[in-house]
N, C-alpha and C. Protein backbone atom coordinates (compact mmCIF):
# COMPACT_ATOMS: atom_id res chain seq x y z
N MET A 1 -29.72 -36.56 55.03
CA MET A 1 -29.31 -36.40 53.59
C MET A 1 -29.23 -35.29 53.68
N SER A 2 -28.09 -34.34 53.14
CA SER A 2 -28.03 -33.02 52.82
C SER A 2 -27.71 -32.96 51.29
N ALA A 3 -27.84 -31.64 50.74
CA ALA A 3 -27.26 -31.39 49.38
C ALA A 3 -26.89 -29.86 49.38
N ILE A 4 -25.87 -29.62 48.39
CA ILE A 4 -25.65 -28.26 48.10
C ILE A 4 -25.80 -28.00 46.81
N ARG A 5 -26.54 -26.79 46.60
CA ARG A 5 -26.76 -26.38 45.10
C ARG A 5 -26.46 -24.68 45.12
N LYS A 6 -26.03 -24.06 43.72
CA LYS A 6 -25.95 -22.82 43.72
C LYS A 6 -27.41 -22.31 43.06
N LYS A 7 -27.79 -21.19 43.36
CA LYS A 7 -29.16 -20.43 43.17
C LYS A 7 -28.86 -18.88 42.96
N SER A 8 -29.19 -18.43 41.73
CA SER A 8 -29.53 -17.10 41.25
C SER A 8 -30.24 -16.41 41.99
N VAL A 9 -29.50 -14.98 42.57
CA VAL A 9 -30.34 -14.30 43.28
C VAL A 9 -29.79 -12.92 42.90
N SER A 10 -30.70 -11.43 43.50
CA SER A 10 -30.23 -10.32 43.37
C SER A 10 -30.36 -9.66 44.50
N LEU A 11 -29.47 -9.34 45.58
CA LEU A 11 -29.60 -8.96 46.62
C LEU A 11 -28.16 -8.43 47.58
N VAL A 12 -28.28 -7.70 48.42
CA VAL A 12 -27.32 -6.94 48.99
C VAL A 12 -26.90 -7.96 50.29
N CYS A 13 -25.57 -8.69 50.40
CA CYS A 13 -25.41 -9.20 51.44
C CYS A 13 -25.27 -8.57 52.92
N PRO A 14 -25.95 -8.72 54.17
CA PRO A 14 -25.94 -7.94 55.06
C PRO A 14 -24.69 -8.29 56.07
N HIS A 15 -23.96 -9.00 55.53
CA HIS A 15 -22.74 -9.15 56.32
C HIS A 15 -21.37 -8.57 55.68
N CYS A 16 -21.25 -8.47 54.37
CA CYS A 16 -20.13 -7.84 53.46
C CYS A 16 -20.68 -6.61 52.64
N SER A 17 -21.97 -6.37 52.70
CA SER A 17 -22.51 -5.25 52.10
C SER A 17 -22.12 -5.28 50.61
N ARG A 18 -21.80 -6.26 49.68
CA ARG A 18 -21.45 -6.53 48.55
C ARG A 18 -22.94 -6.78 47.84
N LYS A 19 -23.07 -6.38 46.59
CA LYS A 19 -24.25 -7.17 45.48
C LYS A 19 -23.85 -8.87 45.51
N ILE A 20 -24.67 -9.39 45.60
CA ILE A 20 -24.49 -10.95 45.13
C ILE A 20 -25.37 -11.47 43.85
N LYS A 21 -24.72 -11.89 43.19
CA LYS A 21 -25.55 -12.64 41.75
C LYS A 21 -26.18 -14.25 42.10
N TRP A 22 -25.44 -14.89 43.20
CA TRP A 22 -25.84 -16.11 43.50
C TRP A 22 -25.79 -16.42 44.69
N THR A 23 -25.98 -17.51 45.50
CA THR A 23 -26.04 -17.91 46.87
C THR A 23 -25.81 -19.37 46.93
N TRP A 24 -25.20 -19.98 47.85
CA TRP A 24 -25.06 -21.33 48.11
C TRP A 24 -26.17 -21.81 48.71
N VAL A 25 -27.04 -23.11 48.40
CA VAL A 25 -28.06 -23.35 49.38
C VAL A 25 -27.70 -24.79 49.80
N ILE A 26 -27.92 -24.81 51.15
CA ILE A 26 -27.31 -26.20 51.75
C ILE A 26 -28.92 -27.00 52.18
N ARG A 27 -29.33 -27.88 51.96
CA ARG A 27 -30.47 -28.61 52.38
C ARG A 27 -30.27 -29.95 52.95
N TYR A 28 -30.48 -29.84 54.30
CA TYR A 28 -30.55 -30.87 55.22
C TYR A 28 -32.03 -31.46 55.40
N GLU A 29 -31.80 -32.93 55.67
CA GLU A 29 -33.09 -33.51 55.49
C GLU A 29 -33.23 -34.76 56.72
N SER A 30 -34.05 -34.55 57.53
CA SER A 30 -34.17 -35.78 58.69
C SER A 30 -35.72 -36.42 58.58
N LEU A 31 -35.89 -37.13 59.21
CA LEU A 31 -37.68 -37.85 59.13
C LEU A 31 -38.37 -36.89 59.70
N SER A 32 -38.19 -35.85 60.46
CA SER A 32 -39.04 -34.87 60.70
C SER A 32 -39.03 -33.36 59.72
N PHE A 33 -38.04 -32.94 59.53
CA PHE A 33 -37.75 -31.47 59.17
C PHE A 33 -36.77 -31.58 57.84
N VAL A 34 -37.04 -30.48 57.21
CA VAL A 34 -36.24 -30.09 56.01
C VAL A 34 -35.74 -28.44 56.36
N ARG A 35 -34.61 -28.53 56.56
CA ARG A 35 -33.86 -27.00 56.84
C ARG A 35 -32.99 -26.63 55.42
N LEU A 36 -33.40 -25.54 54.81
CA LEU A 36 -32.48 -24.79 54.12
C LEU A 36 -31.84 -23.61 54.56
N VAL A 37 -30.23 -23.44 54.41
CA VAL A 37 -29.37 -22.60 54.80
C VAL A 37 -28.73 -21.83 53.84
N TYR A 38 -29.03 -20.78 53.41
CA TYR A 38 -28.62 -19.82 52.40
C TYR A 38 -27.35 -19.19 52.81
N LEU A 39 -26.16 -19.41 52.02
CA LEU A 39 -24.88 -18.73 52.18
C LEU A 39 -24.48 -17.59 51.25
N CYS A 40 -23.81 -16.28 51.55
CA CYS A 40 -23.31 -15.34 50.70
C CYS A 40 -22.35 -15.81 49.65
N GLY A 41 -22.26 -15.98 48.45
CA GLY A 41 -21.30 -16.32 47.69
C GLY A 41 -20.03 -15.44 47.56
N ASN A 42 -19.99 -14.41 48.42
CA ASN A 42 -18.98 -13.74 48.41
C ASN A 42 -18.12 -13.98 49.78
N CYS A 43 -19.03 -13.67 50.84
CA CYS A 43 -18.29 -13.97 52.36
C CYS A 43 -18.36 -15.33 52.96
N GLU A 44 -19.41 -16.34 52.24
CA GLU A 44 -19.84 -17.38 52.95
C GLU A 44 -20.34 -17.38 54.15
N GLN A 45 -21.13 -15.99 54.49
CA GLN A 45 -21.71 -16.08 55.66
C GLN A 45 -23.18 -16.63 55.87
N VAL A 46 -23.79 -16.86 56.70
CA VAL A 46 -25.12 -17.22 56.38
C VAL A 46 -26.06 -16.11 56.19
N ILE A 47 -27.04 -16.37 55.28
CA ILE A 47 -27.88 -15.01 54.95
C ILE A 47 -29.42 -15.06 55.51
N LYS A 48 -29.91 -16.62 55.28
CA LYS A 48 -30.87 -16.75 55.79
C LYS A 48 -31.21 -18.43 55.85
N THR A 49 -32.08 -18.52 56.99
CA THR A 49 -32.35 -20.34 57.10
C THR A 49 -33.76 -20.20 56.97
N GLU A 50 -34.20 -21.72 56.70
CA GLU A 50 -35.73 -22.11 56.58
C GLU A 50 -36.03 -23.20 56.75
N SER A 51 -37.21 -23.37 57.35
CA SER A 51 -37.64 -24.98 57.71
C SER A 51 -38.91 -25.44 57.69
N GLU A 52 -38.93 -26.28 57.59
CA GLU A 52 -40.59 -27.02 57.23
C GLU A 52 -40.40 -28.33 57.60
N LYS A 53 -41.88 -28.56 57.78
CA LYS A 53 -41.83 -30.28 58.09
C LYS A 53 -41.65 -31.27 57.13
N ASN A 54 -41.04 -32.09 57.22
CA ASN A 54 -40.65 -33.33 55.96
C ASN A 54 -42.24 -33.84 55.69
N LYS A 55 -42.47 -34.02 54.57
CA LYS A 55 -43.69 -34.60 54.12
C LYS A 55 -43.36 -36.20 53.72
N PHE A 56 -43.95 -36.94 54.18
CA PHE A 56 -43.10 -38.31 54.18
C PHE A 56 -44.29 -38.77 52.78
N PRO A 57 -43.72 -39.84 51.93
CA PRO A 57 -44.39 -40.14 50.76
C PRO A 57 -45.39 -40.98 51.18
N SER A 58 -46.71 -40.97 50.52
CA SER A 58 -47.73 -41.65 51.05
C SER A 58 -47.69 -43.14 51.20
N ALA A 59 -46.70 -43.76 50.66
CA ALA A 59 -46.60 -45.67 50.80
C ALA A 59 -46.28 -45.57 52.14
N PHE A 60 -45.73 -44.62 52.85
CA PHE A 60 -45.40 -44.86 54.04
C PHE A 60 -46.52 -44.72 55.29
N SER A 61 -47.23 -43.84 54.81
CA SER A 61 -48.57 -43.14 55.79
C SER A 61 -49.56 -44.14 55.49
N SER A 62 -49.46 -45.29 54.68
CA SER A 62 -50.59 -46.06 54.26
C SER A 62 -51.06 -47.18 55.21
N SER A 63 -51.71 -47.49 55.89
CA SER A 63 -51.88 -48.60 56.65
C SER A 63 -51.92 -50.05 55.78
N SER A 64 -52.06 -49.95 54.50
CA SER A 64 -52.54 -50.99 53.92
C SER A 64 -50.91 -51.80 53.25
N MET A 65 -50.23 -50.57 53.00
CA MET A 65 -48.82 -50.73 52.86
C MET A 65 -48.09 -51.49 53.70
N LEU A 66 -48.11 -50.93 55.36
CA LEU A 66 -47.66 -51.78 56.27
C LEU A 66 -48.08 -52.98 56.10
N THR A 67 -49.61 -53.14 55.87
CA THR A 67 -50.05 -54.84 56.24
C THR A 67 -49.15 -55.91 55.07
N GLN A 68 -48.99 -55.11 53.99
CA GLN A 68 -48.41 -55.69 53.04
C GLN A 68 -47.00 -55.94 53.55
N ILE A 69 -45.99 -55.40 53.93
CA ILE A 69 -44.82 -55.51 54.44
C ILE A 69 -44.82 -56.47 55.39
N VAL A 70 -45.61 -56.49 56.17
CA VAL A 70 -45.34 -57.52 57.64
C VAL A 70 -46.41 -58.70 56.98
């Protein structure tokens, strides 16, 4: 699953050297990881990427829930 949103920032883009007031944030989710990609609002180049392990809802990690489903 992925989602795109606008985020307010105050920094200088390393690619176009312009001061930017907002950035696009693209969020990609998989079963294992969540990855965030930040794009410049002017030149649309990648400014930063972040990734972290996806935290599963407790219902999926609970063995009692699995027993109820099966």
